[in-house]
Amino acid sequence: MASLALMASTALRDFIHDSLELYRTTTRESLDGLTTDDLLWRPAPDSMSIGLLTWHVSRVHDLLIQTRARGVDQLWDSDGWAERFDRSPARRGDTGFGFTAEEMDAFFTPPTDVLYAYLEATWEATFDALDAVDDAGLATTMVDGPLGGQLTLADLYRQLIWEVNQHAGQMAYLRGLLRGLEDAHKMSPVWVDAAATADNDS
């Protein structure tokens, strides 16, 4: 019974973790093998590039998790990422939200290893913070909302899932415009895992 109670206490956390892990996989796949020119390409002057979207997703993770969920300095500041992106001094609200076409034109996309490293660092911080709470903590811990008021940690992660859902899709779409149809038979990991479980049970 104790083990069942433990499972019940982390069901929401595990769902959030698995959902975010799927999006992490999607972003990795969208970035795999891209050149610097690919990362810079924009389909229109007022559109974001994959490089800019990657940075924006990283910044949203950093802002929501470090500032809101943990109440500590962002990695952007504490680990010197702003300097590596040529955007120092670090500003907490410098995330790409509300960028004009001129600001997108001026955005500096760093070497791909730097872009990927910051993305991975923010993903790791996200999972570390999530793994430190159970479902009760997600439901009862209150954090400040960016527009005022407060919300639960569960709602904060709900917002993060919404963010990465739309931007992971945008990145995948841009990659499709660049590379065309690469795998017409690619299946969802959820369906693949379910099929593997069925095979093991038979």
N, C-alpha and C. Protein backbone atom coordinates (compact mmCIF):
# COMPACT_ATOMS: atom_id res chain seq x y z
N MET A 1 0.81 -1.21 0.00
CA MET A 1 0.00 0.00 0.00
C MET A 1 0.85 1.26 0.00
N ALA A 2 1.99 1.21 0.70
CA ALA A 2 2.85 2.40 0.75
C ALA A 2 3.35 2.77 -0.64
N SER A 3 3.71 1.75 -1.43
CA SER A 3 4.22 2.04 -2.76
C SER A 3 3.13 2.64 -3.65
N LEU A 4 1.88 2.17 -3.48
CA LEU A 4 0.78 2.73 -4.25
C LEU A 4 0.53 4.18 -3.87
N ALA A 5 0.64 4.49 -2.58
CA ALA A 5 0.46 5.87 -2.13
C ALA A 5 1.54 6.76 -2.71
N LEU A 6 2.77 6.25 -2.76
CA LEU A 6 3.87 7.03 -3.33
C LEU A 6 3.63 7.29 -4.80
N MET A 7 3.16 6.26 -5.53
CA MET A 7 2.87 6.46 -6.94
C MET A 7 1.79 7.51 -7.14
N ALA A 8 0.76 7.47 -6.30
CA ALA A 8 -0.33 8.43 -6.43
C ALA A 8 0.15 9.84 -6.16
N SER A 9 1.14 9.98 -5.27
CA SER A 9 1.59 11.32 -4.88
C SER A 9 2.46 11.97 -5.94
N THR A 10 2.89 11.20 -6.94
CA THR A 10 3.74 11.77 -7.99
C THR A 10 3.14 11.60 -9.39
N ALA A 11 1.87 11.23 -9.48
CA ALA A 11 1.26 10.99 -10.79
C ALA A 11 1.26 12.24 -11.65
N LEU A 12 0.90 13.38 -11.07
CA LEU A 12 0.89 14.62 -11.83
C LEU A 12 2.31 15.02 -12.21
N ARG A 13 3.22 14.92 -11.25
CA ARG A 13 4.61 15.27 -11.55
C ARG A 13 5.16 14.42 -12.68
N ASP A 14 4.87 13.12 -12.64
CA ASP A 14 5.38 12.23 -13.68
C ASP A 14 4.77 12.56 -15.04
N PHE A 15 3.49 12.94 -15.05
CA PHE A 15 2.85 13.33 -16.31
C PHE A 15 3.52 14.58 -16.88
N ILE A 16 3.78 15.58 -16.03
CA ILE A 16 4.46 16.79 -16.48
C ILE A 16 5.85 16.45 -17.00
N HIS A 17 6.57 15.62 -16.26
CA HIS A 17 7.93 15.23 -16.65
C HIS A 17 7.92 14.55 -18.02
N ASP A 18 7.02 13.59 -18.20
CA ASP A 18 6.97 12.85 -19.46
C ASP A 18 6.57 13.77 -20.62
N SER A 19 5.65 14.69 -20.37
CA SER A 19 5.24 15.63 -21.42
C SER A 19 6.40 16.51 -21.84
N LEU A 20 7.12 17.04 -20.86
CA LEU A 20 8.27 17.90 -21.18
C LEU A 20 9.38 17.11 -21.85
N GLU A 21 9.56 15.85 -21.45
CA GLU A 21 10.60 15.03 -22.07
C GLU A 21 10.30 14.79 -23.55
N LEU A 22 9.02 14.62 -23.89
CA LEU A 22 8.64 14.48 -25.29
C LEU A 22 9.01 15.73 -26.09
N TYR A 23 8.75 16.90 -25.51
CA TYR A 23 9.08 18.14 -26.20
C TYR A 23 10.59 18.34 -26.29
N ARG A 24 11.30 17.89 -25.27
CA ARG A 24 12.76 17.97 -25.33
C ARG A 24 13.28 17.14 -26.49
N THR A 25 12.74 15.94 -26.65
CA THR A 25 13.13 15.08 -27.76
C THR A 25 12.81 15.74 -29.10
N THR A 26 11.64 16.36 -29.19
CA THR A 26 11.24 17.03 -30.43
C THR A 26 12.19 18.17 -30.79
N THR A 27 12.57 18.97 -29.80
CA THR A 27 13.48 20.08 -30.10
C THR A 27 14.85 19.56 -30.51
N ARG A 28 15.31 18.50 -29.88
CA ARG A 28 16.60 17.92 -30.27
C ARG A 28 16.55 17.44 -31.71
N GLU A 29 15.45 16.79 -32.07
CA GLU A 29 15.32 16.28 -33.44
C GLU A 29 15.26 17.42 -34.45
N SER A 30 14.60 18.52 -34.07
CA SER A 30 14.49 19.66 -34.99
C SER A 30 15.84 20.33 -35.21
N LEU A 31 16.72 20.25 -34.20
CA LEU A 31 18.02 20.91 -34.30
C LEU A 31 19.11 20.01 -34.88
N ASP A 32 18.85 18.72 -34.91
CA ASP A 32 19.88 17.76 -35.29
C ASP A 32 20.41 18.02 -36.70
N GLY A 33 21.71 18.21 -36.79
CA GLY A 33 22.37 18.34 -38.08
C GLY A 33 22.22 19.68 -38.78
N LEU A 34 21.59 20.65 -38.14
CA LEU A 34 21.40 21.95 -38.79
C LEU A 34 22.71 22.74 -38.82
N THR A 35 22.90 23.47 -39.89
CA THR A 35 24.06 24.34 -40.02
C THR A 35 23.75 25.70 -39.41
N THR A 36 24.77 26.53 -39.31
CA THR A 36 24.56 27.89 -38.82
C THR A 36 23.60 28.64 -39.73
N ASP A 37 23.74 28.45 -41.04
CA ASP A 37 22.82 29.11 -41.98
C ASP A 37 21.39 28.65 -41.77
N ASP A 38 21.22 27.36 -41.48
CA ASP A 38 19.87 26.84 -41.21
C ASP A 38 19.28 27.52 -39.98
N LEU A 39 20.07 27.66 -38.94
CA LEU A 39 19.60 28.26 -37.70
C LEU A 39 19.23 29.73 -37.88
N LEU A 40 19.86 30.39 -38.82
CA LEU A 40 19.62 31.82 -39.06
C LEU A 40 18.46 32.06 -40.02
N TRP A 41 18.07 31.06 -40.80
CA TRP A 41 17.09 31.26 -41.87
C TRP A 41 15.73 31.61 -41.30
N ARG A 42 15.08 32.60 -41.94
CA ARG A 42 13.73 33.02 -41.59
C ARG A 42 12.88 33.05 -42.85
N PRO A 43 11.67 32.50 -42.81
CA PRO A 43 10.84 32.46 -44.01
C PRO A 43 10.30 33.82 -44.43
N ALA A 44 10.31 34.79 -43.51
CA ALA A 44 9.83 36.14 -43.80
C ALA A 44 10.51 37.10 -42.83
N PRO A 45 10.57 38.39 -43.20
CA PRO A 45 11.27 39.35 -42.34
C PRO A 45 10.71 39.45 -40.92
N ASP A 46 9.42 39.19 -40.76
CA ASP A 46 8.84 39.30 -39.43
C ASP A 46 8.62 37.94 -38.78
N SER A 47 9.40 36.94 -39.23
CA SER A 47 9.33 35.59 -38.66
C SER A 47 10.59 35.30 -37.86
N MET A 48 10.47 34.40 -36.89
CA MET A 48 11.62 33.98 -36.11
C MET A 48 12.37 32.87 -36.84
N SER A 49 13.64 32.78 -36.55
CA SER A 49 14.47 31.68 -37.05
C SER A 49 14.44 30.54 -36.02
N ILE A 50 14.94 29.38 -36.43
CA ILE A 50 15.05 28.28 -35.48
C ILE A 50 16.02 28.64 -34.37
N GLY A 51 17.10 29.33 -34.72
CA GLY A 51 18.06 29.75 -33.70
C GLY A 51 17.44 30.67 -32.67
N LEU A 52 16.66 31.63 -33.13
CA LEU A 52 16.01 32.57 -32.21
C LEU A 52 14.96 31.85 -31.37
N LEU A 53 14.21 30.94 -31.97
CA LEU A 53 13.22 30.17 -31.22
C LEU A 53 13.88 29.30 -30.16
N THR A 54 15.02 28.72 -30.50
CA THR A 54 15.75 27.89 -29.53
C THR A 54 16.18 28.73 -28.34
N TRP A 55 16.70 29.90 -28.60
CA TRP A 55 17.09 30.81 -27.52
C TRP A 55 15.87 31.22 -26.69
N HIS A 56 14.77 31.55 -27.36
CA HIS A 56 13.56 31.97 -26.66
C HIS A 56 13.04 30.87 -25.73
N VAL A 57 13.00 29.63 -26.22
CA VAL A 57 12.55 28.52 -25.38
C VAL A 57 13.47 28.37 -24.17
N SER A 58 14.76 28.49 -24.39
CA SER A 58 15.71 28.40 -23.28
C SER A 58 15.47 29.51 -22.27
N ARG A 59 15.23 30.70 -22.75
CA ARG A 59 15.03 31.84 -21.85
C ARG A 59 13.73 31.68 -21.06
N VAL A 60 12.68 31.15 -21.69
CA VAL A 60 11.43 30.94 -20.97
C VAL A 60 11.62 29.92 -19.85
N HIS A 61 12.33 28.83 -20.15
CA HIS A 61 12.65 27.85 -19.11
C HIS A 61 13.38 28.53 -17.95
N ASP A 62 14.40 29.28 -18.29
CA ASP A 62 15.24 29.93 -17.28
C ASP A 62 14.41 30.88 -16.42
N LEU A 63 13.58 31.69 -17.07
CA LEU A 63 12.77 32.67 -16.36
C LEU A 63 11.74 32.00 -15.45
N LEU A 64 10.99 31.06 -16.00
CA LEU A 64 9.92 30.44 -15.22
C LEU A 64 10.45 29.57 -14.09
N ILE A 65 11.50 28.80 -14.37
CA ILE A 65 11.98 27.85 -13.37
C ILE A 65 12.90 28.51 -12.36
N GLN A 66 13.94 29.20 -12.81
CA GLN A 66 14.88 29.78 -11.86
C GLN A 66 14.26 30.94 -11.09
N THR A 67 13.63 31.86 -11.80
CA THR A 67 13.09 33.05 -11.15
C THR A 67 11.80 32.75 -10.40
N ARG A 68 10.86 32.08 -11.07
CA ARG A 68 9.53 31.88 -10.47
C ARG A 68 9.49 30.67 -9.53
N ALA A 69 9.88 29.51 -10.03
CA ALA A 69 9.73 28.28 -9.24
C ALA A 69 10.76 28.18 -8.13
N ARG A 70 12.01 28.56 -8.41
CA ARG A 70 13.08 28.38 -7.43
C ARG A 70 13.42 29.65 -6.66
N GLY A 71 13.11 30.80 -7.24
CA GLY A 71 13.44 32.05 -6.57
C GLY A 71 14.92 32.33 -6.49
N VAL A 72 15.67 31.92 -7.53
CA VAL A 72 17.12 32.14 -7.57
C VAL A 72 17.48 32.86 -8.87
N ASP A 73 18.75 33.23 -8.98
CA ASP A 73 19.22 33.89 -10.19
C ASP A 73 19.08 32.97 -11.39
N GLN A 74 18.77 33.56 -12.53
CA GLN A 74 18.71 32.78 -13.77
C GLN A 74 20.11 32.33 -14.18
N LEU A 75 20.16 31.17 -14.85
CA LEU A 75 21.42 30.71 -15.42
C LEU A 75 21.98 31.73 -16.40
N TRP A 76 21.08 32.44 -17.07
CA TRP A 76 21.44 33.49 -18.02
C TRP A 76 22.43 34.47 -17.39
N ASP A 77 22.23 34.76 -16.12
CA ASP A 77 23.08 35.71 -15.39
C ASP A 77 24.18 34.99 -14.62
N SER A 78 23.79 34.02 -13.80
CA SER A 78 24.74 33.40 -12.88
C SER A 78 25.82 32.57 -13.58
N ASP A 79 25.49 31.98 -14.73
CA ASP A 79 26.45 31.13 -15.44
C ASP A 79 27.06 31.80 -16.67
N GLY A 80 26.82 33.08 -16.84
CA GLY A 80 27.49 33.84 -17.89
C GLY A 80 26.98 33.62 -19.30
N TRP A 81 25.75 33.11 -19.44
CA TRP A 81 25.23 32.85 -20.79
C TRP A 81 24.96 34.13 -21.56
N ALA A 82 24.56 35.19 -20.88
CA ALA A 82 24.28 36.45 -21.58
C ALA A 82 25.51 36.94 -22.34
N GLU A 83 26.65 36.80 -21.72
CA GLU A 83 27.89 37.24 -22.39
C GLU A 83 28.18 36.38 -23.61
N ARG A 84 27.94 35.06 -23.49
CA ARG A 84 28.23 34.17 -24.61
C ARG A 84 27.27 34.39 -25.78
N PHE A 85 26.10 34.97 -25.49
CA PHE A 85 25.16 35.32 -26.55
C PHE A 85 25.30 36.78 -26.98
N ASP A 86 26.34 37.44 -26.49
CA ASP A 86 26.59 38.84 -26.81
C ASP A 86 25.39 39.72 -26.42
N ARG A 87 24.80 39.43 -25.25
CA ARG A 87 23.65 40.19 -24.79
C ARG A 87 23.86 40.68 -23.35
N SER A 88 25.11 40.88 -22.97
CA SER A 88 25.38 41.40 -21.63
C SER A 88 25.33 42.93 -21.67
N PRO A 89 24.97 43.54 -20.52
CA PRO A 89 24.69 42.90 -19.24
C PRO A 89 23.36 42.15 -19.28
N ALA A 90 23.31 41.07 -18.49
CA ALA A 90 22.13 40.21 -18.48
C ALA A 90 20.92 40.98 -17.98
N ARG A 91 19.79 40.81 -18.68
CA ARG A 91 18.52 41.39 -18.23
C ARG A 91 17.52 40.25 -18.07
N ARG A 92 16.87 40.19 -16.93
CA ARG A 92 15.98 39.08 -16.61
C ARG A 92 14.87 38.93 -17.64
N GLY A 93 14.34 40.04 -18.13
CA GLY A 93 13.21 39.98 -19.06
C GLY A 93 13.61 39.89 -20.52
N ASP A 94 14.89 39.71 -20.81
CA ASP A 94 15.35 39.62 -22.19
C ASP A 94 15.14 38.19 -22.68
N THR A 95 13.96 37.94 -23.26
CA THR A 95 13.58 36.58 -23.63
C THR A 95 13.18 36.42 -25.10
N GLY A 96 13.06 37.52 -25.82
CA GLY A 96 12.56 37.45 -27.19
C GLY A 96 11.08 37.72 -27.30
N PHE A 97 10.37 37.73 -26.17
CA PHE A 97 8.94 38.01 -26.21
C PHE A 97 8.72 39.45 -26.66
N GLY A 98 7.85 39.63 -27.68
CA GLY A 98 7.54 40.96 -28.18
C GLY A 98 8.59 41.55 -29.09
N PHE A 99 9.54 40.75 -29.55
CA PHE A 99 10.57 41.26 -30.45
C PHE A 99 9.95 41.85 -31.72
N THR A 100 10.50 42.97 -32.15
CA THR A 100 10.12 43.55 -33.43
C THR A 100 10.95 42.90 -34.54
N ALA A 101 10.59 43.18 -35.78
CA ALA A 101 11.36 42.66 -36.90
C ALA A 101 12.80 43.16 -36.84
N GLU A 102 12.97 44.40 -36.39
CA GLU A 102 14.32 44.96 -36.28
C GLU A 102 15.13 44.23 -35.22
N GLU A 103 14.49 43.90 -34.12
CA GLU A 103 15.20 43.18 -33.06
C GLU A 103 15.54 41.76 -33.51
N MET A 104 14.66 41.14 -34.30
CA MET A 104 14.98 39.82 -34.83
C MET A 104 16.15 39.90 -35.80
N ASP A 105 16.19 40.97 -36.60
CA ASP A 105 17.31 41.17 -37.52
C ASP A 105 18.63 41.28 -36.77
N ALA A 106 18.58 41.95 -35.62
CA ALA A 106 19.80 42.24 -34.86
C ALA A 106 20.22 41.09 -33.94
N PHE A 107 19.37 40.08 -33.80
CA PHE A 107 19.69 38.99 -32.88
C PHE A 107 20.93 38.24 -33.33
N PHE A 108 21.87 38.05 -32.39
CA PHE A 108 23.10 37.32 -32.67
C PHE A 108 22.91 35.86 -32.29
N THR A 109 22.99 34.97 -33.28
CA THR A 109 22.95 33.54 -33.00
C THR A 109 24.37 33.06 -32.79
N PRO A 110 24.68 32.56 -31.60
CA PRO A 110 26.06 32.14 -31.30
C PRO A 110 26.39 30.83 -31.99
N PRO A 111 27.63 30.36 -31.86
CA PRO A 111 27.96 29.04 -32.40
C PRO A 111 26.98 27.98 -31.90
N THR A 112 26.73 26.98 -32.72
CA THR A 112 25.69 26.00 -32.39
C THR A 112 25.94 25.30 -31.06
N ASP A 113 27.21 25.07 -30.70
CA ASP A 113 27.46 24.38 -29.44
C ASP A 113 27.03 25.22 -28.24
N VAL A 114 27.17 26.54 -28.36
CA VAL A 114 26.73 27.43 -27.29
C VAL A 114 25.20 27.45 -27.21
N LEU A 115 24.55 27.55 -28.36
CA LEU A 115 23.08 27.56 -28.41
C LEU A 115 22.51 26.28 -27.78
N TYR A 116 23.06 25.13 -28.17
CA TYR A 116 22.58 23.85 -27.66
C TYR A 116 22.88 23.71 -26.17
N ALA A 117 24.05 24.16 -25.74
CA ALA A 117 24.46 23.99 -24.35
C ALA A 117 23.54 24.77 -23.41
N TYR A 118 23.17 25.98 -23.80
CA TYR A 118 22.25 26.74 -22.94
C TYR A 118 20.88 26.08 -22.90
N LEU A 119 20.42 25.60 -24.04
CA LEU A 119 19.13 24.90 -24.08
C LEU A 119 19.15 23.70 -23.14
N GLU A 120 20.20 22.89 -23.21
CA GLU A 120 20.28 21.70 -22.37
C GLU A 120 20.40 22.07 -20.90
N ALA A 121 21.13 23.13 -20.58
CA ALA A 121 21.28 23.56 -19.19
C ALA A 121 19.94 23.96 -18.60
N THR A 122 19.11 24.65 -19.39
CA THR A 122 17.81 25.06 -18.86
C THR A 122 16.86 23.87 -18.75
N TRP A 123 16.95 22.91 -19.67
CA TRP A 123 16.14 21.70 -19.54
C TRP A 123 16.50 20.96 -18.26
N GLU A 124 17.81 20.80 -17.98
CA GLU A 124 18.24 20.09 -16.79
C GLU A 124 17.75 20.79 -15.52
N ALA A 125 17.83 22.12 -15.50
CA ALA A 125 17.34 22.87 -14.35
C ALA A 125 15.84 22.68 -14.17
N THR A 126 15.12 22.61 -15.28
CA THR A 126 13.67 22.39 -15.22
C THR A 126 13.35 21.05 -14.59
N PHE A 127 14.03 20.00 -15.02
CA PHE A 127 13.76 18.68 -14.48
C PHE A 127 14.23 18.55 -13.03
N ASP A 128 15.33 19.19 -12.68
CA ASP A 128 15.81 19.17 -11.29
C ASP A 128 14.78 19.80 -10.37
N ALA A 129 14.22 20.93 -10.79
CA ALA A 129 13.22 21.61 -9.96
C ALA A 129 11.95 20.78 -9.85
N LEU A 130 11.55 20.16 -10.96
CA LEU A 130 10.33 19.35 -10.95
C LEU A 130 10.50 18.12 -10.06
N ASP A 131 11.65 17.49 -10.13
CA ASP A 131 11.88 16.26 -9.37
C ASP A 131 11.97 16.52 -7.87
N ALA A 132 12.13 17.77 -7.48
CA ALA A 132 12.26 18.12 -6.06
C ALA A 132 10.91 18.27 -5.36
N VAL A 133 9.80 18.18 -6.10
CA VAL A 133 8.47 18.35 -5.50
C VAL A 133 7.61 17.14 -5.82
N ASP A 134 6.59 16.93 -4.98
CA ASP A 134 5.59 15.91 -5.27
C ASP A 134 4.30 16.60 -5.69
N ASP A 135 3.25 15.83 -5.88
CA ASP A 135 1.99 16.40 -6.36
C ASP A 135 1.40 17.40 -5.38
N ALA A 136 1.57 17.13 -4.08
CA ALA A 136 1.06 18.07 -3.08
C ALA A 136 1.77 19.41 -3.20
N GLY A 137 3.08 19.36 -3.42
CA GLY A 137 3.83 20.60 -3.60
C GLY A 137 3.43 21.35 -4.85
N LEU A 138 3.18 20.61 -5.92
CA LEU A 138 2.73 21.24 -7.16
C LEU A 138 1.39 21.94 -6.98
N ALA A 139 0.53 21.35 -6.16
CA ALA A 139 -0.83 21.88 -6.00
C ALA A 139 -0.92 23.02 -4.99
N THR A 140 0.03 23.08 -4.04
CA THR A 140 -0.10 24.04 -2.94
C THR A 140 0.97 25.13 -2.92
N THR A 141 2.11 24.90 -3.55
CA THR A 141 3.16 25.92 -3.57
C THR A 141 2.76 27.05 -4.51
N MET A 142 2.77 28.26 -3.98
CA MET A 142 2.35 29.43 -4.76
C MET A 142 3.56 30.23 -5.21
N VAL A 143 3.50 30.72 -6.44
CA VAL A 143 4.56 31.56 -7.00
C VAL A 143 3.93 32.80 -7.62
N ASP A 144 4.73 33.85 -7.76
CA ASP A 144 4.22 35.10 -8.32
C ASP A 144 4.03 34.96 -9.82
N GLY A 145 2.91 35.47 -10.31
CA GLY A 145 2.65 35.49 -11.74
C GLY A 145 3.29 36.71 -12.40
N PRO A 146 3.71 36.61 -13.64
CA PRO A 146 4.39 37.73 -14.31
C PRO A 146 3.51 38.96 -14.51
N LEU A 147 2.19 38.78 -14.51
CA LEU A 147 1.28 39.91 -14.69
C LEU A 147 0.60 40.31 -13.38
N GLY A 148 1.11 39.77 -12.27
CA GLY A 148 0.50 40.02 -10.98
C GLY A 148 -0.25 38.81 -10.49
N GLY A 149 -0.61 38.82 -9.21
CA GLY A 149 -1.29 37.68 -8.63
C GLY A 149 -0.35 36.51 -8.43
N GLN A 150 -0.93 35.38 -8.02
CA GLN A 150 -0.15 34.18 -7.79
C GLN A 150 -0.78 32.98 -8.47
N LEU A 151 0.03 31.96 -8.69
CA LEU A 151 -0.44 30.72 -9.28
C LEU A 151 0.32 29.57 -8.65
N THR A 152 -0.23 28.37 -8.76
CA THR A 152 0.44 27.21 -8.20
C THR A 152 1.59 26.77 -9.10
N LEU A 153 2.48 25.98 -8.53
CA LEU A 153 3.55 25.40 -9.34
C LEU A 153 2.99 24.56 -10.48
N ALA A 154 1.88 23.87 -10.21
CA ALA A 154 1.26 23.08 -11.28
C ALA A 154 0.86 23.98 -12.44
N ASP A 155 0.30 25.15 -12.14
CA ASP A 155 -0.08 26.07 -13.20
C ASP A 155 1.14 26.63 -13.92
N LEU A 156 2.23 26.83 -13.19
CA LEU A 156 3.46 27.31 -13.81
C LEU A 156 3.96 26.30 -14.84
N TYR A 157 3.93 25.03 -14.46
CA TYR A 157 4.37 23.99 -15.41
C TYR A 157 3.37 23.82 -16.55
N ARG A 158 2.11 24.06 -16.27
CA ARG A 158 1.10 24.04 -17.35
C ARG A 158 1.44 25.10 -18.39
N GLN A 159 1.83 26.28 -17.93
CA GLN A 159 2.23 27.35 -18.84
C GLN A 159 3.48 26.96 -19.62
N LEU A 160 4.43 26.32 -18.94
CA LEU A 160 5.66 25.90 -19.62
C LEU A 160 5.37 24.88 -20.70
N ILE A 161 4.48 23.93 -20.41
CA ILE A 161 4.10 22.94 -21.42
C ILE A 161 3.46 23.64 -22.63
N TRP A 162 2.62 24.63 -22.38
CA TRP A 162 2.00 25.39 -23.47
C TRP A 162 3.07 26.08 -24.31
N GLU A 163 4.07 26.66 -23.63
CA GLU A 163 5.15 27.36 -24.34
C GLU A 163 5.92 26.41 -25.25
N VAL A 164 6.41 25.32 -24.68
CA VAL A 164 7.26 24.44 -25.48
C VAL A 164 6.46 23.68 -26.52
N ASN A 165 5.17 23.46 -26.27
CA ASN A 165 4.33 22.80 -27.26
C ASN A 165 4.28 23.63 -28.54
N GLN A 166 3.97 24.92 -28.41
CA GLN A 166 3.84 25.72 -29.63
C GLN A 166 5.19 25.96 -30.29
N HIS A 167 6.23 26.19 -29.50
CA HIS A 167 7.51 26.53 -30.12
C HIS A 167 8.22 25.30 -30.69
N ALA A 168 8.05 24.15 -30.06
CA ALA A 168 8.61 22.93 -30.64
C ALA A 168 7.96 22.65 -32.00
N GLY A 169 6.65 22.92 -32.09
CA GLY A 169 5.96 22.75 -33.37
C GLY A 169 6.46 23.73 -34.42
N GLN A 170 6.70 24.96 -34.01
CA GLN A 170 7.22 25.96 -34.95
C GLN A 170 8.60 25.57 -35.45
N MET A 171 9.44 25.08 -34.54
CA MET A 171 10.79 24.68 -34.94
C MET A 171 10.74 23.51 -35.92
N ALA A 172 9.87 22.54 -35.64
CA ALA A 172 9.75 21.40 -36.53
C ALA A 172 9.22 21.82 -37.91
N TYR A 173 8.30 22.77 -37.91
CA TYR A 173 7.75 23.26 -39.17
C TYR A 173 8.82 23.98 -40.00
N LEU A 174 9.61 24.82 -39.33
CA LEU A 174 10.68 25.52 -40.03
C LEU A 174 11.71 24.54 -40.58
N ARG A 175 12.00 23.49 -39.80
CA ARG A 175 12.93 22.49 -40.31
C ARG A 175 12.35 21.83 -41.57
N GLY A 176 11.04 21.57 -41.56
CA GLY A 176 10.40 20.99 -42.74
C GLY A 176 10.52 21.88 -43.95
N LEU A 177 10.39 23.19 -43.75
CA LEU A 177 10.56 24.11 -44.87
C LEU A 177 11.98 24.08 -45.41
N LEU A 178 12.94 23.86 -44.51
CA LEU A 178 14.35 23.83 -44.92
C LEU A 178 14.75 22.50 -45.56
N ARG A 179 14.31 21.41 -44.96
CA ARG A 179 14.82 20.10 -45.35
C ARG A 179 13.81 19.24 -46.09
N GLY A 180 12.55 19.65 -46.12
CA GLY A 180 11.55 18.84 -46.78
C GLY A 180 11.13 17.65 -45.92
N LEU A 181 10.49 16.70 -46.54
CA LEU A 181 9.98 15.52 -45.85
C LEU A 181 11.13 14.55 -45.61
N GLU A 182 11.51 14.40 -44.33
CA GLU A 182 12.66 13.56 -44.01
C GLU A 182 12.27 12.15 -43.56
N ASP A 183 11.12 12.03 -42.91
CA ASP A 183 10.70 10.71 -42.43
C ASP A 183 9.17 10.67 -42.44
N ALA A 184 8.63 10.17 -43.53
CA ALA A 184 7.17 10.15 -43.70
C ALA A 184 6.49 9.15 -42.77
N HIS A 185 7.26 8.22 -42.20
CA HIS A 185 6.66 7.16 -41.39
C HIS A 185 7.04 7.29 -39.92
N LYS A 186 7.51 8.45 -39.51
CA LYS A 186 7.88 8.64 -38.11
C LYS A 186 6.62 8.57 -37.24
N MET A 187 6.72 7.81 -36.16
CA MET A 187 5.59 7.61 -35.26
C MET A 187 5.83 8.28 -33.92
N SER A 188 4.75 8.62 -33.23
CA SER A 188 4.84 9.19 -31.90
C SER A 188 5.49 8.21 -30.93
N PRO A 189 6.39 8.68 -30.06
CA PRO A 189 6.98 7.79 -29.05
C PRO A 189 5.93 7.15 -28.15
N VAL A 190 4.81 7.84 -27.94
CA VAL A 190 3.74 7.29 -27.11
C VAL A 190 3.18 6.02 -27.75
N TRP A 191 2.93 6.07 -29.08
CA TRP A 191 2.42 4.89 -29.78
C TRP A 191 3.46 3.78 -29.80
N VAL A 192 4.71 4.14 -30.00
CA VAL A 192 5.78 3.13 -30.04
C VAL A 192 5.91 2.43 -28.70
N ASP A 193 5.85 3.20 -27.61
CA ASP A 193 5.97 2.59 -26.27
C ASP A 193 4.78 1.65 -25.99
N ALA A 194 3.58 2.08 -26.41
CA ALA A 194 2.40 1.24 -26.19
C ALA A 194 2.51 -0.07 -26.97
N ALA A 195 3.02 0.01 -28.20
CA ALA A 195 3.18 -1.19 -29.01
C ALA A 195 4.22 -2.12 -28.42
N ALA A 196 5.30 -1.55 -27.88
CA ALA A 196 6.35 -2.36 -27.26
C ALA A 196 5.82 -3.09 -26.03
N THR A 197 4.98 -2.40 -25.26
CA THR A 197 4.37 -3.02 -24.08
C THR A 197 3.46 -4.18 -24.49
N ALA A 198 2.69 -4.00 -25.57
CA ALA A 198 1.82 -5.06 -26.06
C ALA A 198 2.63 -6.26 -26.53
N ASP A 199 3.74 -5.98 -27.19
CA ASP A 199 4.60 -7.08 -27.68
C ASP A 199 5.19 -7.88 -26.51
N ASN A 200 5.56 -7.17 -25.44
CA ASN A 200 6.16 -7.83 -24.28
C ASN A 200 5.15 -8.67 -23.52
N ASP A 201 3.87 -8.25 -23.59
CA ASP A 201 2.81 -8.95 -22.88
C ASP A 201 2.32 -10.19 -23.61
N SER A 202 2.62 -10.24 -24.92
CA SER A 202 2.10 -11.36 -25.73
C SER A 202 3.01 -12.58 -25.64
